[in-house]
Amino acid sequence: MRGMDISLSESRIAALRRAGAQQVAIEAVAETGSTNADLLARIDGLAAPTLLVAERQTAGRGRAGRSWLSAPGGALTFSLAWRFAQPIQALLGLPLAVGVALAEALALFDIRVGLKWPNDVLKDGKKLAGILVETAALPASRQDGQGGVWAVIGIGLNLNVPDQLEAQIGHAVADAPWLARLDRNLLLAELLNALADALVEFESRGFAAFVARWNGLHAFAGQTVLVLDRGQVLQQGVAVGVDAVGRLLLDTAAGRVAVVAGDVSLRIKEG
């Protein structure tokens, strides 16, 4: 893969990093199956946070085993491996914090988005980007004796979505042609800068530091929604926002409930 001609440049991305992202190793490849799978397979050997970006993914994945489909050159697909000292339970709100970081970075390019709990970035009500966080715990006897958890954060950002690809996906999705005309090295560096800053803040302050920012970007605020598990309705209520650990708060007929992400999905109730 290294010998192939790719427009993404490791040195260019590295040169555009700010201080908070200087510790991140950067790797760019022309094609791979899944950047998340690649980093997870190498987790024991990673010495520092690592960004892996691919011009094309052939087996990209979303939540609950779903496929992530994109046209060649039509998406920015990358993963960031980051080591946390906290136990895995402390990472419950991490996908939401990542969503906040992406939204704030995209705003620098005049792309205004909303966030759909738990892991989607929406533009004009349609999915622009998806987030997949996978974790691998390290016992204290491994590596430097500190243990902790590696989180591999996979992100797919639509730039251009042809009609035939949207038909293949099976539902309307958003894209951002303005971003597609930018230097992708600059775009990725800004996303990395925002993510690195957010992950440092998350480690020191937890998701509580992101609650107000996430709720300010909440795409379904005040709308009646359905929480689904394999097509079955688990909860129905008015979406209020998220709490300090990232649970979705719903006002239901039986009172306020807090929903944990798991593999459930969310949609607006029609009618």
C-alpha atoms as a PDB file:
ATOM      1  CA  MET A   1       0.000   0.000   0.000  1.00  0.00           C
ATOM      2  CA  ARG A   2       2.883   2.379   0.734  1.00  0.00           C
ATOM      3  CA  GLY A   3       4.109   2.424  -2.839  1.00  0.00           C
ATOM      4  CA  MET A   4       0.849   3.682  -4.289  1.00  0.00           C
ATOM      5  CA  ASP A   5       0.295   7.306  -5.266  1.00  0.00           C
ATOM      6  CA  ILE A   6      -1.839   9.001  -2.631  1.00  0.00           C
ATOM      7  CA  SER A   7      -2.770  12.675  -2.328  1.00  0.00           C
ATOM      8  CA  LEU A   8      -2.814  12.590   1.458  1.00  0.00           C
ATOM      9  CA  SER A   9       0.606  13.467   2.831  1.00  0.00           C
ATOM     10  CA  GLU A  10       1.855  12.374   6.236  1.00  0.00           C
ATOM     11  CA  SER A  11       4.398  15.203   6.318  1.00  0.00           C
ATOM     12  CA  ARG A  12       1.870  17.827   5.254  1.00  0.00           C
ATOM     13  CA  ILE A  13      -0.637  16.737   7.911  1.00  0.00           C
ATOM     14  CA  ALA A  14       2.130  16.675  10.523  1.00  0.00           C
ATOM     15  CA  ALA A  15       3.229  20.188   9.605  1.00  0.00           C
ATOM     16  CA  LEU A  16      -0.300  21.512  10.149  1.00  0.00           C
ATOM     17  CA  ARG A  17      -0.716  20.028  13.631  1.00  0.00           C
ATOM     18  CA  ARG A  18      -1.034  22.293  16.618  1.00  0.00           C
ATOM     19  CA  ALA A  19       0.678  21.645  19.942  1.00  0.00           C
ATOM     20  CA  GLY A  20      -2.008  19.336  21.346  1.00  0.00           C
ATOM     21  CA  ALA A  21      -1.633  16.908  18.435  1.00  0.00           C
ATOM     22  CA  GLN A  22       2.160  16.860  18.234  1.00  0.00           C
ATOM     23  CA  GLN A  23       2.284  13.524  20.065  1.00  0.00           C
ATOM     24  CA  VAL A  24       0.186  11.784  17.393  1.00  0.00           C
ATOM     25  CA  ALA A  25       1.967   9.557  14.859  1.00  0.00           C
ATOM     26  CA  ILE A  26       0.476   9.983  11.378  1.00  0.00           C
ATOM     27  CA  GLU A  27       0.156   7.277   8.746  1.00  0.00           C
ATOM     28  CA  ALA A  28      -1.521   7.584   5.336  1.00  0.00           C
ATOM     29  CA  VAL A  29      -2.262   4.680   2.997  1.00  0.00           C
ATOM     30  CA  ALA A  30      -3.918   4.468  -0.389  1.00  0.00           C
ATOM     31  CA  GLU A  31      -6.256   1.586   0.415  1.00  0.00           C
ATOM     32  CA  THR A  32      -7.107  -0.759   3.242  1.00  0.00           C
ATOM     33  CA  GLY A  33     -10.045  -2.780   4.490  1.00  0.00           C
ATOM     34  CA  SER A  34     -10.757  -0.883   7.695  1.00  0.00           C
ATOM     35  CA  THR A  35      -8.545   1.645   9.462  1.00  0.00           C
ATOM     36  CA  ASN A  36     -10.186   0.700  12.768  1.00  0.00           C
ATOM     37  CA  ALA A  37      -9.434  -2.993  12.246  1.00  0.00           C
ATOM     38  CA  ASP A  38      -5.851  -2.191  11.244  1.00  0.00           C
ATOM     39  CA  LEU A  39      -5.152  -0.184  14.399  1.00  0.00           C
ATOM     40  CA  LEU A  40      -6.883  -2.701  16.668  1.00  0.00           C
ATOM     41  CA  ALA A  41      -4.694  -5.449  15.233  1.00  0.00           C
ATOM     42  CA  ARG A  42      -1.575  -3.435  16.092  1.00  0.00           C
ATOM     43  CA  ILE A  43      -2.673  -2.146  19.486  1.00  0.00           C
ATOM     44  CA  ASP A  44      -0.016  -4.041  21.479  1.00  0.00           C
ATOM     45  CA  GLY A  45       2.747  -2.420  19.458  1.00  0.00           C
ATOM     46  CA  LEU A  46       1.580   1.196  19.476  1.00  0.00           C
ATOM     47  CA  ALA A  47       3.945   3.464  21.369  1.00  0.00           C
ATOM     48  CA  ALA A  48       1.976   6.710  20.893  1.00  0.00           C
ATOM     49  CA  PRO A  49      -1.437   7.942  19.752  1.00  0.00           C
ATOM     50  CA  THR A  50      -1.713   7.080  16.062  1.00  0.00           C
ATOM     51  CA  LEU A  51      -3.782   8.481  13.200  1.00  0.00           C
ATOM     52  CA  LEU A  52      -4.336   6.156  10.237  1.00  0.00           C
ATOM     53  CA  VAL A  53      -6.046   7.643   7.178  1.00  0.00           C
ATOM     54  CA  ALA A  54      -6.894   5.797   3.976  1.00  0.00           C
ATOM     55  CA  GLU A  55      -7.742   7.199   0.578  1.00  0.00           C
ATOM     56  CA  ARG A  56     -10.158   4.279   0.259  1.00  0.00           C
ATOM     57  CA  GLN A  57     -11.585   1.724   2.667  1.00  0.00           C
ATOM     58  CA  THR A  58     -12.982  -1.475   1.177  1.00  0.00           C
ATOM     59  CA  ALA A  59     -14.506  -2.850   4.395  1.00  0.00           C
ATOM     60  CA  GLY A  60     -15.377   0.234   6.417  1.00  0.00           C
ATOM     61  CA  ARG A  61     -17.626  -0.417   9.405  1.00  0.00           C
ATOM     62  CA  GLY A  62     -20.243   1.465  11.385  1.00  0.00           C
ATOM     63  CA  ARG A  63     -22.055   0.667  14.620  1.00  0.00           C
ATOM     64  CA  ALA A  64     -23.778  -2.695  15.120  1.00  0.00           C
ATOM     65  CA  GLY A  65     -21.799  -4.295  12.288  1.00  0.00           C
ATOM     66  CA  ARG A  66     -23.168  -2.021   9.580  1.00  0.00           C
ATOM     67  CA  SER A  67     -21.025  -1.273   6.519  1.00  0.00           C
ATOM     68  CA  TRP A  68     -19.740   2.205   5.740  1.00  0.00           C
ATOM     69  CA  LEU A  69     -20.009   2.814   1.988  1.00  0.00           C
ATOM     70  CA  SER A  70     -18.201   5.578   0.107  1.00  0.00           C
ATOM     71  CA  ALA A  71     -17.131   6.421  -3.433  1.00  0.00           C
ATOM     72  CA  PRO A  72     -13.403   6.634  -4.298  1.00  0.00           C
ATOM     73  CA  GLY A  73     -12.268  10.089  -3.248  1.00  0.00           C
ATOM     74  CA  GLY A  74     -15.744  10.888  -1.970  1.00  0.00           C
ATOM     75  CA  ALA A  75     -15.092  10.588   1.758  1.00  0.00           C
ATOM     76  CA  LEU A  76     -12.471  11.207   4.381  1.00  0.00           C
ATOM     77  CA  THR A  77     -12.030   7.953   6.321  1.00  0.00           C
ATOM     78  CA  PHE A  78      -9.626   7.674   9.212  1.00  0.00           C
ATOM     79  CA  SER A  79      -9.093   6.267  12.691  1.00  0.00           C
ATOM     80  CA  LEU A  80      -7.312   7.637  15.732  1.00  0.00           C
ATOM     81  CA  ALA A  81      -5.943   5.316  18.409  1.00  0.00           C
ATOM     82  CA  TRP A  82      -5.681   7.037  21.787  1.00  0.00           C
ATOM     83  CA  ARG A  83      -4.660   5.571  25.122  1.00  0.00           C
ATOM     84  CA  PHE A  84      -6.613   6.452  28.275  1.00  0.00           C
ATOM     85  CA  ALA A  85      -5.520   5.754  31.837  1.00  0.00           C
ATOM     86  CA  GLN A  86      -9.131   5.391  33.022  1.00  0.00           C
ATOM     87  CA  PRO A  87     -11.093   2.127  33.059  1.00  0.00           C
ATOM     88  CA  ILE A  88     -13.328   1.345  30.126  1.00  0.00           C
ATOM     89  CA  GLN A  89     -16.471   2.338  32.050  1.00  0.00           C
ATOM     90  CA  ALA A  90     -15.236   5.935  32.118  1.00  0.00           C
ATOM     91  CA  LEU A  91     -15.389   6.123  28.311  1.00  0.00           C
ATOM     92  CA  LEU A  92     -19.180   5.864  28.022  1.00  0.00           C
ATOM     93  CA  GLY A  93     -19.581   9.403  26.698  1.00  0.00           C
ATOM     94  CA  LEU A  94     -16.532   9.330  24.416  1.00  0.00           C
ATOM     95  CA  PRO A  95     -18.405   9.029  21.072  1.00  0.00           C
ATOM     96  CA  LEU A  96     -20.479  12.079  22.011  1.00  0.00           C
ATOM     97  CA  ALA A  97     -17.392  14.100  22.933  1.00  0.00           C
ATOM     98  CA  VAL A  98     -15.893  13.139  19.560  1.00  0.00           C
ATOM     99  CA  GLY A  99     -19.072  14.382  17.870  1.00  0.00           C
ATOM    100  CA  VAL A 100     -18.694  17.747  19.589  1.00  0.00           C
ATOM    101  CA  ALA A 101     -15.073  18.000  18.434  1.00  0.00           C
ATOM    102  CA  LEU A 102     -16.034  17.207  14.829  1.00  0.00           C
ATOM    103  CA  ALA A 103     -18.887  19.726  14.839  1.00  0.00           C
ATOM    104  CA  GLU A 104     -16.672  22.466  16.216  1.00  0.00           C
ATOM    105  CA  ALA A 105     -13.931  21.713  13.689  1.00  0.00           C
ATOM    106  CA  LEU A 106     -16.382  21.690  10.760  1.00  0.00           C
ATOM    107  CA  ALA A 107     -17.715  25.077  11.890  1.00  0.00           C
ATOM    108  CA  LEU A 108     -14.250  26.490  11.136  1.00  0.00           C
ATOM    109  CA  PHE A 109     -15.029  25.683   7.482  1.00  0.00           C
ATOM    110  CA  ASP A 110     -18.561  27.164   7.684  1.00  0.00           C
ATOM    111  CA  ILE A 111     -20.167  23.718   7.763  1.00  0.00           C
ATOM    112  CA  ARG A 112     -22.953  23.844  10.366  1.00  0.00           C
ATOM    113  CA  VAL A 113     -24.051  20.487  11.693  1.00  0.00           C
ATOM    114  CA  GLY A 114     -26.179  18.917  14.396  1.00  0.00           C
ATOM    115  CA  LEU A 115     -25.537  15.837  16.505  1.00  0.00           C
ATOM    116  CA  LYS A 116     -27.739  12.765  16.649  1.00  0.00           C
ATOM    117  CA  TRP A 117     -27.326  10.588  19.712  1.00  0.00           C
ATOM    118  CA  PRO A 118     -25.199   8.600  20.077  1.00  0.00           C
ATOM    119  CA  ASN A 119     -22.733   8.878  17.203  1.00  0.00           C
ATOM    120  CA  ASP A 120     -23.931  10.661  14.055  1.00  0.00           C
ATOM    121  CA  VAL A 121     -23.174  14.100  12.663  1.00  0.00           C
ATOM    122  CA  LEU A 122     -26.069  15.527  10.637  1.00  0.00           C
ATOM    123  CA  LYS A 123     -26.220  18.250   8.001  1.00  0.00           C
ATOM    124  CA  ASP A 124     -29.664  19.440   6.924  1.00  0.00           C
ATOM    125  CA  GLY A 125     -31.125  16.512   8.854  1.00  0.00           C
ATOM    126  CA  LYS A 126     -29.111  13.875   6.964  1.00  0.00           C
ATOM    127  CA  LYS A 127     -26.017  11.939   7.989  1.00  0.00           C
ATOM    128  CA  LEU A 128     -22.783  13.673   7.079  1.00  0.00           C
ATOM    129  CA  ALA A 129     -20.394  11.708   9.304  1.00  0.00           C
ATOM    130  CA  GLY A 130     -20.395   8.640  11.498  1.00  0.00           C
ATOM    131  CA  ILE A 131     -18.308   7.713  14.510  1.00  0.00           C
ATOM    132  CA  LEU A 132     -17.315   4.215  15.635  1.00  0.00           C
ATOM    133  CA  VAL A 133     -15.376   3.812  18.894  1.00  0.00           C
ATOM    134  CA  GLU A 134     -13.859   0.419  19.677  1.00  0.00           C
ATOM    135  CA  THR A 135     -11.774  -0.303  22.765  1.00  0.00           C
ATOM    136  CA  ALA A 136      -9.057  -2.674  23.910  1.00  0.00           C
ATOM    137  CA  ALA A 137      -8.189  -2.863  27.615  1.00  0.00           C
ATOM    138  CA  LEU A 138      -4.576  -3.356  28.685  1.00  0.00           C
ATOM    139  CA  PRO A 139      -3.773  -5.087  31.985  1.00  0.00           C
ATOM    140  CA  ALA A 140      -1.167  -3.395  34.169  1.00  0.00           C
ATOM    141  CA  SER A 141       1.312  -6.179  33.374  1.00  0.00           C
ATOM    142  CA  ARG A 142       1.389  -5.164  29.695  1.00  0.00           C
ATOM    143  CA  GLN A 143       3.601  -2.563  28.009  1.00  0.00           C
ATOM    144  CA  ASP A 144       4.782   0.035  30.533  1.00  0.00           C
ATOM    145  CA  GLY A 145       2.885  -1.422  33.486  1.00  0.00           C
ATOM    146  CA  GLN A 146       0.266   1.334  33.552  1.00  0.00           C
ATOM    147  CA  GLY A 147      -2.584  -0.624  32.029  1.00  0.00           C
ATOM    148  CA  GLY A 148      -5.483   1.512  30.825  1.00  0.00           C
ATOM    149  CA  VAL A 149      -7.568   1.377  27.661  1.00  0.00           C
ATOM    150  CA  TRP A 150      -6.836   2.049  24.015  1.00  0.00           C
ATOM    151  CA  ALA A 151      -9.773   3.635  22.202  1.00  0.00           C
ATOM    152  CA  VAL A 152      -9.763   3.399  18.412  1.00  0.00           C
ATOM    153  CA  ILE A 153     -11.982   6.160  17.074  1.00  0.00           C
ATOM    154  CA  GLY A 154     -13.114   5.614  13.501  1.00  0.00           C
ATOM    155  CA  ILE A 155     -14.614   8.482  11.511  1.00  0.00           C
ATOM    156  CA  GLY A 156     -16.165   8.563   8.059  1.00  0.00           C
ATOM    157  CA  LEU A 157     -16.962  12.019   6.660  1.00  0.00           C
ATOM    158  CA  ASN A 158     -18.897  12.310   3.398  1.00  0.00           C
ATOM    159  CA  LEU A 159     -17.466  14.806   0.927  1.00  0.00           C
ATOM    160  CA  ASN A 160     -19.226  13.848  -2.317  1.00  0.00           C
ATOM    161  CA  VAL A 161     -21.964  11.218  -2.506  1.00  0.00           C
ATOM    162  CA  PRO A 162     -23.042  10.302  -6.065  1.00  0.00           C
ATOM    163  CA  ASP A 163     -26.708   9.442  -6.619  1.00  0.00           C
ATOM    164  CA  GLN A 164     -25.920   5.787  -7.334  1.00  0.00           C
ATOM    165  CA  LEU A 165     -24.063   5.439  -4.040  1.00  0.00           C
ATOM    166  CA  GLU A 166     -26.925   7.039  -2.125  1.00  0.00           C
ATOM    167  CA  ALA A 167     -29.260   4.510  -3.752  1.00  0.00           C
ATOM    168  CA  GLN A 168     -26.918   1.714  -2.662  1.00  0.00           C
ATOM    169  CA  ILE A 169     -26.862   3.048   0.908  1.00  0.00           C
ATOM    170  CA  GLY A 170     -30.656   2.963   0.890  1.00  0.00           C
ATOM    171  CA  HIS A 171     -31.434   6.282   2.576  1.00  0.00           C
ATOM    172  CA  ALA A 172     -30.669   9.958   2.103  1.00  0.00           C
ATOM    173  CA  VAL A 173     -27.227  11.090   3.266  1.00  0.00           C
ATOM    174  CA  ALA A 174     -25.512  14.456   3.310  1.00  0.00           C
ATOM    175  CA  ASP A 175     -22.276  15.524   1.728  1.00  0.00           C
ATOM    176  CA  ALA A 176     -20.146  18.672   1.744  1.00  0.00           C
ATOM    177  CA  PRO A 177     -18.818  19.511  -1.743  1.00  0.00           C
ATOM    178  CA  TRP A 178     -17.185  22.650  -0.352  1.00  0.00           C
ATOM    179  CA  LEU A 179     -14.974  20.463   1.823  1.00  0.00           C
ATOM    180  CA  ALA A 180     -14.195  18.232  -1.168  1.00  0.00           C
ATOM    181  CA  ARG A 181     -12.569  21.216  -2.888  1.00  0.00           C
ATOM    182  CA  LEU A 182     -10.231  21.889   0.034  1.00  0.00           C
ATOM    183  CA  ASP A 183      -6.754  20.515   0.620  1.00  0.00           C
ATOM    184  CA  ARG A 184      -7.655  17.304   2.454  1.00  0.00           C
ATOM    185  CA  ASN A 185      -4.423  17.473   4.404  1.00  0.00           C
ATOM    186  CA  LEU A 186      -5.543  20.797   5.879  1.00  0.00           C
ATOM    187  CA  LEU A 187      -9.029  19.444   6.596  1.00  0.00           C
ATOM    188  CA  LEU A 188      -7.674  16.339   8.296  1.00  0.00           C
ATOM    189  CA  ALA A 189      -5.146  18.334  10.319  1.00  0.00           C
ATOM    190  CA  GLU A 190      -7.893  20.602  11.658  1.00  0.00           C
ATOM    191  CA  LEU A 191     -10.019  17.600  12.558  1.00  0.00           C
ATOM    192  CA  LEU A 192      -7.028  16.000  14.283  1.00  0.00           C
ATOM    193  CA  ASN A 193      -6.274  19.198  16.205  1.00  0.00           C
ATOM    194  CA  ALA A 194      -9.855  19.386  17.470  1.00  0.00           C
ATOM    195  CA  LEU A 195      -9.931  15.691  18.354  1.00  0.00           C
ATOM    196  CA  ALA A 196      -6.627  15.787  20.241  1.00  0.00           C
ATOM    197  CA  ASP A 197      -7.748  18.794  22.277  1.00  0.00           C
ATOM    198  CA  ALA A 198     -11.077  17.106  23.035  1.00  0.00           C
ATOM    199  CA  LEU A 199      -9.489  13.809  24.072  1.00  0.00           C
ATOM    200  CA  VAL A 200      -7.095  15.532  26.465  1.00  0.00           C
ATOM    201  CA  GLU A 201     -10.047  17.417  27.950  1.00  0.00           C
ATOM    202  CA  PHE A 202     -12.131  14.239  28.143  1.00  0.00           C
ATOM    203  CA  GLU A 203      -9.381  12.425  30.003  1.00  0.00           C
ATOM    204  CA  SER A 204      -8.998  15.194  32.562  1.00  0.00           C
ATOM    205  CA  ARG A 205     -12.646  16.237  33.008  1.00  0.00           C
ATOM    206  CA  GLY A 206     -14.804  13.449  31.588  1.00  0.00           C
ATOM    207  CA  PHE A 207     -17.899  13.898  29.464  1.00  0.00           C
ATOM    208  CA  ALA A 208     -19.263  16.459  31.923  1.00  0.00           C
ATOM    209  CA  ALA A 209     -17.069  19.016  30.147  1.00  0.00           C
ATOM    210  CA  PHE A 210     -18.975  18.387  26.902  1.00  0.00           C
ATOM    211  CA  VAL A 211     -22.600  18.122  28.055  1.00  0.00           C
ATOM    212  CA  ALA A 212     -23.612  21.733  27.400  1.00  0.00           C
ATOM    213  CA  ARG A 213     -21.793  21.798  24.067  1.00  0.00           C
ATOM    214  CA  TRP A 214     -23.442  18.548  22.927  1.00  0.00           C
ATOM    215  CA  ASN A 215     -26.882  19.696  24.005  1.00  0.00           C
ATOM    216  CA  GLY A 216     -26.357  22.952  22.113  1.00  0.00           C
ATOM    217  CA  LEU A 217     -25.838  20.905  18.947  1.00  0.00           C
ATOM    218  CA  HIS A 218     -28.623  18.373  19.641  1.00  0.00           C
ATOM    219  CA  ALA A 219     -30.400  17.794  16.316  1.00  0.00           C
ATOM    220  CA  PHE A 220     -33.529  16.191  17.835  1.00  0.00           C
ATOM    221  CA  ALA A 221     -34.018  18.497  20.826  1.00  0.00           C
ATOM    222  CA  GLY A 222     -37.695  18.773  21.768  1.00  0.00           C
ATOM    223  CA  GLN A 223     -38.827  16.201  19.208  1.00  0.00           C
ATOM    224  CA  THR A 224     -40.651  12.964  19.905  1.00  0.00           C
ATOM    225  CA  VAL A 225     -38.328  10.076  19.118  1.00  0.00           C
ATOM    226  CA  LEU A 226     -38.301   6.297  19.138  1.00  0.00           C
ATOM    227  CA  VAL A 227     -35.462   4.274  20.603  1.00  0.00           C
ATOM    228  CA  LEU A 228     -35.204   1.038  18.624  1.00  0.00           C
ATOM    229  CA  ASP A 229     -33.421  -2.270  19.120  1.00  0.00           C
ATOM    230  CA  ARG A 230     -33.465  -4.425  15.970  1.00  0.00           C
ATOM    231  CA  GLY A 231     -36.606  -2.673  14.842  1.00  0.00           C
ATOM    232  CA  GLN A 232     -38.455  -3.047  18.145  1.00  0.00           C
ATOM    233  CA  VAL A 233     -39.452   0.114  20.013  1.00  0.00           C
ATOM    234  CA  LEU A 234     -37.831   0.186  23.465  1.00  0.00           C
ATOM    235  CA  GLN A 235     -38.742   3.734  24.437  1.00  0.00           C
ATOM    236  CA  GLN A 236     -40.746   6.636  23.095  1.00  0.00           C
ATOM    237  CA  GLY A 237     -40.552  10.159  24.372  1.00  0.00           C
ATOM    238  CA  VAL A 238     -39.475  13.756  23.870  1.00  0.00           C
ATOM    239  CA  ALA A 239     -35.706  14.055  23.461  1.00  0.00           C
ATOM    240  CA  VAL A 240     -34.406  16.409  26.143  1.00  0.00           C
ATOM    241  CA  GLY A 241     -30.636  16.051  25.770  1.00  0.00           C
ATOM    242  CA  VAL A 242     -27.860  14.045  27.391  1.00  0.00           C
ATOM    243  CA  ASP A 243     -26.681  13.772  30.973  1.00  0.00           C
ATOM    244  CA  ALA A 244     -23.199  13.979  32.493  1.00  0.00           C
ATOM    245  CA  VAL A 245     -22.232  10.463  31.382  1.00  0.00           C
ATOM    246  CA  GLY A 246     -23.745  10.636  27.880  1.00  0.00           C
ATOM    247  CA  ARG A 247     -27.081   8.904  28.402  1.00  0.00           C
ATOM    248  CA  LEU A 248     -30.001  10.177  26.311  1.00  0.00           C
ATOM    249  CA  LEU A 249     -32.727  11.781  28.426  1.00  0.00           C
ATOM    250  CA  LEU A 250     -36.312  11.241  27.303  1.00  0.00           C
ATOM    251  CA  ASP A 251     -39.500  12.617  28.797  1.00  0.00           C
ATOM    252  CA  THR A 252     -41.962   9.736  28.517  1.00  0.00           C
ATOM    253  CA  ALA A 253     -45.506   9.130  29.691  1.00  0.00           C
ATOM    254  CA  ALA A 254     -43.995   7.407  32.738  1.00  0.00           C
ATOM    255  CA  GLY A 255     -41.551  10.235  33.499  1.00  0.00           C
ATOM    256  CA  ARG A 256     -37.978  11.008  32.555  1.00  0.00           C
ATOM    257  CA  VAL A 257     -35.775   8.055  31.590  1.00  0.00           C
ATOM    258  CA  ALA A 258     -32.079   7.784  30.721  1.00  0.00           C
ATOM    259  CA  VAL A 259     -31.104   5.543  27.788  1.00  0.00           C
ATOM    260  CA  VAL A 260     -27.663   3.943  27.438  1.00  0.00           C
ATOM    261  CA  ALA A 261     -26.375   3.666  23.876  1.00  0.00           C
ATOM    262  CA  GLY A 262     -25.532  -0.031  23.400  1.00  0.00           C
ATOM    263  CA  ASP A 263     -26.626  -1.050  19.897  1.00  0.00           C
ATOM    264  CA  VAL A 264     -29.907   0.830  19.891  1.00  0.00           C
ATOM    265  CA  SER A 265     -30.839   3.316  17.182  1.00  0.00           C
ATOM    266  CA  LEU A 266     -32.830   6.525  17.247  1.00  0.00           C
ATOM    267  CA  ARG A 267     -35.344   8.044  14.879  1.00  0.00           C
ATOM    268  CA  ILE A 268     -37.934  10.793  14.906  1.00  0.00           C
ATOM    269  CA  LYS A 269     -41.491   9.551  15.341  1.00  0.00           C
ATOM    270  CA  GLU A 270     -43.494  10.265  12.211  1.00  0.00           C
ATOM    271  CA  GLY A 271     -46.894  11.865  12.458  1.00  0.00           C
END
